[in-house]
Structure formats: structure tokens, C-alpha cells
C-alpha atoms as a PDB file:
ATOM      1  CA  MET A   1     122.059  53.547 126.993  1.00  0.00           C
ATOM      2  CA  LYS A   2     119.539  52.970 124.076  1.00  0.00           C
ATOM      3  CA  GLU A   3     121.372  53.268 120.670  1.00  0.00           C
ATOM      4  CA  LEU A   4     120.488  56.590 118.862  1.00  0.00           C
ATOM      5  CA  ALA A   5     118.194  56.390 115.976  1.00  0.00           C
ATOM      6  CA  PRO A   6     116.009  58.665 113.997  1.00  0.00           C
ATOM      7  CA  ILE A   7     112.831  59.729 115.605  1.00  0.00           C
ATOM      8  CA  ARG A   8     109.820  58.303 113.660  1.00  0.00           C
ATOM      9  CA  ASP A   9     106.804  58.438 116.061  1.00  0.00           C
ATOM     10  CA  ALA A  10     105.211  59.820 119.131  1.00  0.00           C
ATOM     11  CA  ALA A  11     106.851  57.031 121.246  1.00  0.00           C
ATOM     12  CA  GLY A  12     110.094  57.616 119.963  1.00  0.00           C
ATOM     13  CA  TYR A  13     109.797  61.363 120.642  1.00  0.00           C
ATOM     14  CA  GLU A  14     109.043  60.873 124.274  1.00  0.00           C
ATOM     15  CA  SER A  15     111.644  58.468 124.659  1.00  0.00           C
ATOM     16  CA  ALA A  16     114.309  61.071 123.176  1.00  0.00           C
ATOM     17  CA  VAL A  17     112.900  63.977 125.406  1.00  0.00           C
ATOM     18  CA  ALA A  18     113.351  61.633 128.571  1.00  0.00           C
ATOM     19  CA  GLU A  19     116.861  60.800 127.731  1.00  0.00           C
ATOM     20  CA  MET A  20     117.579  64.534 126.891  1.00  0.00           C
ATOM     21  CA  ARG A  21     116.352  65.275 130.278  1.00  0.00           C
ATOM     22  CA  ARG A  22     118.440  62.662 132.024  1.00  0.00           C
ATOM     23  CA  LEU A  23     121.566  63.963 130.193  1.00  0.00           C
ATOM     24  CA  TRP A  24     120.654  67.704 130.870  1.00  0.00           C
ATOM     25  CA  GLY A  25     123.365  69.511 132.517  1.00  0.00           C
ATOM     26  CA  ALA A  26     126.325  67.294 131.176  1.00  0.00           C
ATOM     27  CA  LYS A  27     129.692  69.022 130.968  1.00  0.00           C
ATOM     28  CA  PRO A  28     131.058  69.888 127.369  1.00  0.00           C
ATOM     29  CA  GLY A  29     133.735  67.429 125.951  1.00  0.00           C
ATOM     30  CA  THR A  30     132.230  64.621 127.562  1.00  0.00           C
ATOM     31  CA  PRO A  31     130.428  61.514 125.883  1.00  0.00           C
ATOM     32  CA  ALA A  32     127.167  62.418 127.664  1.00  0.00           C
ATOM     33  CA  ARG A  33     127.239  65.927 126.189  1.00  0.00           C
ATOM     34  CA  ASP A  34     128.078  64.477 122.809  1.00  0.00           C
ATOM     35  CA  ARG A  35     125.025  62.302 123.216  1.00  0.00           C
ATOM     36  CA  LEU A  36     122.931  65.216 124.379  1.00  0.00           C
ATOM     37  CA  ASP A  37     123.949  67.330 121.225  1.00  0.00           C
ATOM     38  CA  VAL A  38     122.987  64.514 118.871  1.00  0.00           C
ATOM     39  CA  ILE A  39     119.451  63.867 120.684  1.00  0.00           C
ATOM     40  CA  GLY A  40     118.753  67.576 120.691  1.00  0.00           C
ATOM     41  CA  LEU A  41     119.401  67.562 116.776  1.00  0.00           C
ATOM     42  CA  LEU A  42     117.229  64.368 116.327  1.00  0.00           C
ATOM     43  CA  ILE A  43     114.536  66.123 118.399  1.00  0.00           C
ATOM     44  CA  ASP A  44     114.806  69.274 116.587  1.00  0.00           C
ATOM     45  CA  ALA A  45     114.327  67.560 113.109  1.00  0.00           C
ATOM     46  CA  TYR A  46     111.522  65.392 114.271  1.00  0.00           C
ATOM     47  CA  GLU A  47     109.717  68.694 115.816  1.00  0.00           C
ATOM     48  CA  GLY A  48     110.377  70.550 112.591  1.00  0.00           C
ATOM     49  CA  ALA A  49     108.959  67.982 110.303  1.00  0.00           C
ATOM     50  CA  THR A  50     106.068  67.171 112.539  1.00  0.00           C
ATOM     51  CA  TRP A  51     104.836  70.775 113.668  1.00  0.00           C
ATOM     52  CA  PRO A  52     106.438  73.120 111.350  1.00  0.00           C
ATOM     53  CA  TYR A  53     106.522  76.736 112.482  1.00  0.00           C
ATOM     54  CA  GLU A  54     106.178  79.331 110.111  1.00  0.00           C
ATOM     55  CA  PRO A  55     104.986  82.855 111.087  1.00  0.00           C
ATOM     56  CA  ARG A  56     101.451  83.977 109.460  1.00  0.00           C
ATOM     57  CA  ASP A  57     102.987  87.444 108.607  1.00  0.00           C
ATOM     58  CA  PRO A  58     106.146  89.513 108.690  1.00  0.00           C
ATOM     59  CA  VAL A  59     104.928  91.391 111.712  1.00  0.00           C
ATOM     60  CA  GLU A  60     104.409  88.217 113.694  1.00  0.00           C
ATOM     61  CA  ALA A  61     107.906  87.251 112.533  1.00  0.00           C
ATOM     62  CA  ILE A  62     109.611  90.338 113.763  1.00  0.00           C
ATOM     63  CA  SER A  63     107.743  90.247 117.019  1.00  0.00           C
ATOM     64  CA  GLY A  64     108.633  86.627 117.537  1.00  0.00           C
ATOM     65  CA  HIS A  65     112.186  87.420 116.969  1.00  0.00           C
ATOM     66  CA  MET A  66     112.330  90.253 119.341  1.00  0.00           C
ATOM     67  CA  GLU A  67     110.990  88.100 122.005  1.00  0.00           C
ATOM     68  CA  ASN A  68     113.341  85.090 121.459  1.00  0.00           C
ATOM     69  CA  GLU A  69     116.593  87.408 121.223  1.00  0.00           C
ATOM     70  CA  GLY A  70     115.435  89.669 124.073  1.00  0.00           C
ATOM     71  CA  LEU A  71     115.127  92.571 121.748  1.00  0.00           C
ATOM     72  CA  THR A  72     113.132  95.769 122.421  1.00  0.00           C
ATOM     73  CA  GLN A  73     111.356  98.247 120.212  1.00  0.00           C
ATOM     74  CA  LYS A  74     114.411 100.435 120.583  1.00  0.00           C
ATOM     75  CA  ASP A  75     116.550  97.907 119.050  1.00  0.00           C
ATOM     76  CA  LEU A  76     113.861  97.662 116.021  1.00  0.00           C
ATOM     77  CA  ALA A  77     114.023 101.517 115.767  1.00  0.00           C
ATOM     78  CA  ALA A  78     117.870 101.253 115.474  1.00  0.00           C
ATOM     79  CA  VAL A  79     117.494  98.979 112.513  1.00  0.00           C
ATOM     80  CA  LEU A  80     114.571 100.895 110.818  1.00  0.00           C
ATOM     81  CA  GLY A  81     115.864 104.227 111.426  1.00  0.00           C
ATOM     82  CA  SER A  82     113.189 105.876 114.016  1.00  0.00           C
ATOM     83  CA  LYS A  83     111.140 104.910 116.954  1.00  0.00           C
ATOM     84  CA  ALA A  84     107.948 106.135 115.157  1.00  0.00           C
ATOM     85  CA  ARG A  85     108.564 103.907 112.259  1.00  0.00           C
ATOM     86  CA  ALA A  86     109.139 100.843 114.419  1.00  0.00           C
ATOM     87  CA  SER A  87     105.898 101.691 116.357  1.00  0.00           C
ATOM     88  CA  GLU A  88     104.011 101.886 113.256  1.00  0.00           C
ATOM     89  CA  ILE A  89     105.428  98.449 111.870  1.00  0.00           C
ATOM     90  CA  LEU A  90     104.525  96.612 115.274  1.00  0.00           C
ATOM     91  CA  ARG A  91     101.182  98.374 115.429  1.00  0.00           C
ATOM     92  CA  ARG A  92     100.345  97.502 111.808  1.00  0.00           C
ATOM     93  CA  ARG A  93      99.906 101.182 110.742  1.00  0.00           C
ATOM     94  CA  ARG A  94     102.883 100.959 108.231  1.00  0.00           C
ATOM     95  CA  ALA A  95     103.955  98.447 105.742  1.00  0.00           C
ATOM     96  CA  LEU A  96     107.407  97.155 105.602  1.00  0.00           C
ATOM     97  CA  THR A  97     109.220  98.794 102.703  1.00  0.00           C
ATOM     98  CA  LEU A  98     111.967  96.849 100.705  1.00  0.00           C
ATOM     99  CA  PRO A  99     114.985  98.906 102.381  1.00  0.00           C
ATOM    100  CA  MET A 100     113.327  98.179 105.779  1.00  0.00           C
ATOM    101  CA  ILE A 101     113.199  94.245 104.715  1.00  0.00           C
ATOM    102  CA  TRP A 102     116.754  94.297 103.540  1.00  0.00           C
ATOM    103  CA  SER A 103     117.875  96.038 106.809  1.00  0.00           C
ATOM    104  CA  LEU A 104     116.085  93.567 108.938  1.00  0.00           C
ATOM    105  CA  ALA A 105     117.161  90.542 106.787  1.00  0.00           C
ATOM    106  CA  ARG A 106     120.989  91.598 107.202  1.00  0.00           C
ATOM    107  CA  ALA A 107     120.853  92.698 110.994  1.00  0.00           C
ATOM    108  CA  TRP A 108     118.619  90.208 112.484  1.00  0.00           C
ATOM    109  CA  LYS A 109     119.056  87.273 109.932  1.00  0.00           C
ATOM    110  CA  ILE A 110     115.258  86.919 109.349  1.00  0.00           C
ATOM    111  CA  PRO A 111     114.788  85.594 106.138  1.00  0.00           C
ATOM    112  CA  ALA A 112     113.494  88.241 103.428  1.00  0.00           C
ATOM    113  CA  GLU A 113     111.073  85.465 102.196  1.00  0.00           C
ATOM    114  CA  ILE A 114     109.031  86.036 105.318  1.00  0.00           C
ATOM    115  CA  LEU A 115     109.476  89.742 105.493  1.00  0.00           C
ATOM    116  CA  ILE A 116     108.161  90.150 101.829  1.00  0.00           C
ATOM    117  CA  ARG A 117     104.813  88.354 102.553  1.00  0.00           C
ATOM    118  CA  PRO A 118     101.636  90.577 102.238  1.00  0.00           C
ATOM    119  CA  TYR A 119      99.926  91.349 105.272  1.00  0.00           C
ATOM    120  CA  ARG A 120      96.743  93.291 106.524  1.00  0.00           C
ATOM    121  CA  LEU A 121      97.502  96.805 108.082  1.00  0.00           C
ATOM    122  CA  ALA A 122      95.203  97.976 110.991  1.00  0.00           C
ATOM    123  CA  LYS A 123      92.317 100.188 110.313  1.00  0.00           C
ATOM    124  CA  PRO A 124      93.126 103.524 111.182  1.00  0.00           C
ATOM    125  CA  LYS A 125      91.123 104.664 114.635  1.00  0.00           C
ATOM    126  CA  ILE A 126      89.192 107.803 114.083  1.00  0.00           C
ATOM    127  CA  ASP A 127      89.304 110.431 116.768  1.00  0.00           C
ATOM    128  CA  GLN A 128      85.652 111.590 116.955  1.00  0.00           C
ATOM    129  CA  ASP A 129      86.513 114.900 118.745  1.00  0.00           C
ATOM    130  CA  ALA A 130      89.195 115.694 116.437  1.00  0.00           C
ATOM    131  CA  ALA A 131      87.136 114.798 113.364  1.00  0.00           C
ATOM    132  CA  ARG A 132      84.429 117.342 114.451  1.00  0.00           C
ATOM    133  CA  ARG A 133      87.269 120.048 115.132  1.00  0.00           C
ATOM    134  CA  ALA A 134      88.840 119.565 112.059  1.00  0.00           C
ATOM    135  CA  PRO A 135      88.200 121.820 109.084  1.00  0.00           C
ATOM    136  CA  PRO A 136      85.961 120.260 106.207  1.00  0.00           C
ATOM    137  CA  PRO A 137      87.802 119.399 102.958  1.00  0.00           C
ATOM    138  CA  ARG A 138      89.117 122.212 101.069  1.00  0.00           C
ATOM    139  CA  GLY A 139      86.354 122.285  98.087  1.00  0.00           C
ATOM    140  CA  VAL A 140      83.453 121.934 100.691  1.00  0.00           C
ATOM    141  CA  ARG A 141      84.401 125.033 102.636  1.00  0.00           C
ATOM    142  CA  ARG A 142      84.225 127.313  99.504  1.00  0.00           C
ATOM    143  CA  LYS A 143      81.175 128.502  98.003  1.00  0.00           C
ATOM    144  CA  ARG A 144      80.594 127.898  94.361  1.00  0.00           C
ATOM    145  CA  ARG A 145      80.742 131.031  92.361  1.00  0.00           C
ATOM    146  CA  ILE A 146      77.854 131.673  89.874  1.00  0.00           C
ATOM    147  CA  ALA A 147      79.061 133.194  86.610  1.00  0.00           C
ATOM    148  CA  ALA A 148      77.896 136.752  86.674  1.00  0.00           C
ATOM    149  CA  ALA A 149      76.588 138.517  83.607  1.00  0.00           C
ATOM    150  CA  PRO A 150      79.000 140.789  81.988  1.00  0.00           C
ATOM    151  CA  LYS A 151      79.191 144.353  83.329  1.00  0.00           C
ATOM    152  CA  MET A 152      77.684 146.705  81.113  1.00  0.00           C
ATOM    153  CA  ARG A 153      79.769 149.817  82.413  1.00  0.00           C
ATOM    154  CA  GLY A 154      77.605 152.793  81.512  1.00  0.00           C
ATOM    155  CA  LYS A 155      75.657 150.988  78.422  1.00  0.00           C
ATOM    156  CA  ARG A 156      71.853 150.752  78.408  1.00  0.00           C
ATOM    157  CA  ALA A 157      70.420 147.428  77.774  1.00  0.00           C
ATOM    158  CA  SER A 158      68.826 148.629  74.706  1.00  0.00           C
ATOM    159  CA  SER A 159      72.120 149.580  73.107  1.00  0.00           C
ATOM    160  CA  ILE A 160      73.481 145.951  73.211  1.00  0.00           C
ATOM    161  CA  ARG A 161      72.864 144.226  70.146  1.00  0.00           C
ATOM    162  CA  MET A 162      71.809 140.557  70.450  1.00  0.00           C
ATOM    163  CA  PRO A 163      72.719 138.184  67.514  1.00  0.00           C
ATOM    164  CA  SER A 164      69.728 137.585  65.323  1.00  0.00           C
ATOM    165  CA  ARG A 165      68.753 134.122  64.605  1.00  0.00           C
ATOM    166  CA  ALA A 166      67.848 133.251  61.138  1.00  0.00           C
ATOM    167  CA  PRO A 167      64.522 131.264  60.875  1.00  0.00           C
END
């Protein structure tokens, strides 16, 4: 057995992975299992420093967490409050609100720093048939009324005095 040392390069990484494969399945409480645990920590530290993983946006963080933990959209709905809201979040049709972020951070231990990042929402799809059937906007349907002249109610036009203009 080789002495344990920090992994500093690709060759050291390959050697540690090979050692881990050799020790895989060691029984808990044995020196082989202790060595496996330490090698696992060394590999994890090297991978974290070499290939840092940071989800690009909150939706990817949520989806990745769901996949890793074997969670479903129903589980997300339980945290967020409704199936519709969970669906809208995963399809990028609704932005996460602060209460949603806190609920996810507490329930699933996803760092709030990741969940508060800005991200783009999907553009809404326009159903062309529904758009044709929909009534026009309120202001478009109504005709503009032209102000009518005042009604004269029984008066002759000659009896109405017009203000005179001074020259």
C-alpha cells in the first residue's frame, strides 16, 4: 500500500481512483474501509478544485438536486405549495419568489446564494387559434364617440346668440 498524500496532478488522481476501485466494498470498521474513506475525501477535494461545479441558474440547481436525490415534481410541489407552481418554475414560466427560495433552502438544503441568482424565463408560446378567437383588447372594440353639438330643444338656430368678436 502506498502512503496517503494530497492529490496534486492527473497522475496522482488516476492512482487514487485505482486505489479506490481496489478497496471498494471494504467492510465498515476495517482499516481498508478507513483508507477508502480518506481516499474518497482526497479525490473529492481534487475534483472540487480542478472541476468546480456551479449550476448556471437556480432552475438547473433545483433540477440537479431533484435528480441526485430521486425527488419528483410532486415533491417540489409539496415544498412550493402547488403542482402548477412547481411546473411553472421547472418550465421557466415563473420566477422564484423570496418565500419559495427560503422554503427550498430550508427543506432541500440548496444554498440560497444559488437560488437568488437571476435567470431568464421562457418566452410564452402564443396559441395562434386562441389568439384569433380572443376578443380584441377593451379599447379597440369600442368606437370612439364624437362629441355632438348641443341639442337645441325647440329653439331655432336664428335665436341662438353667438358671442361677438371684437375687432
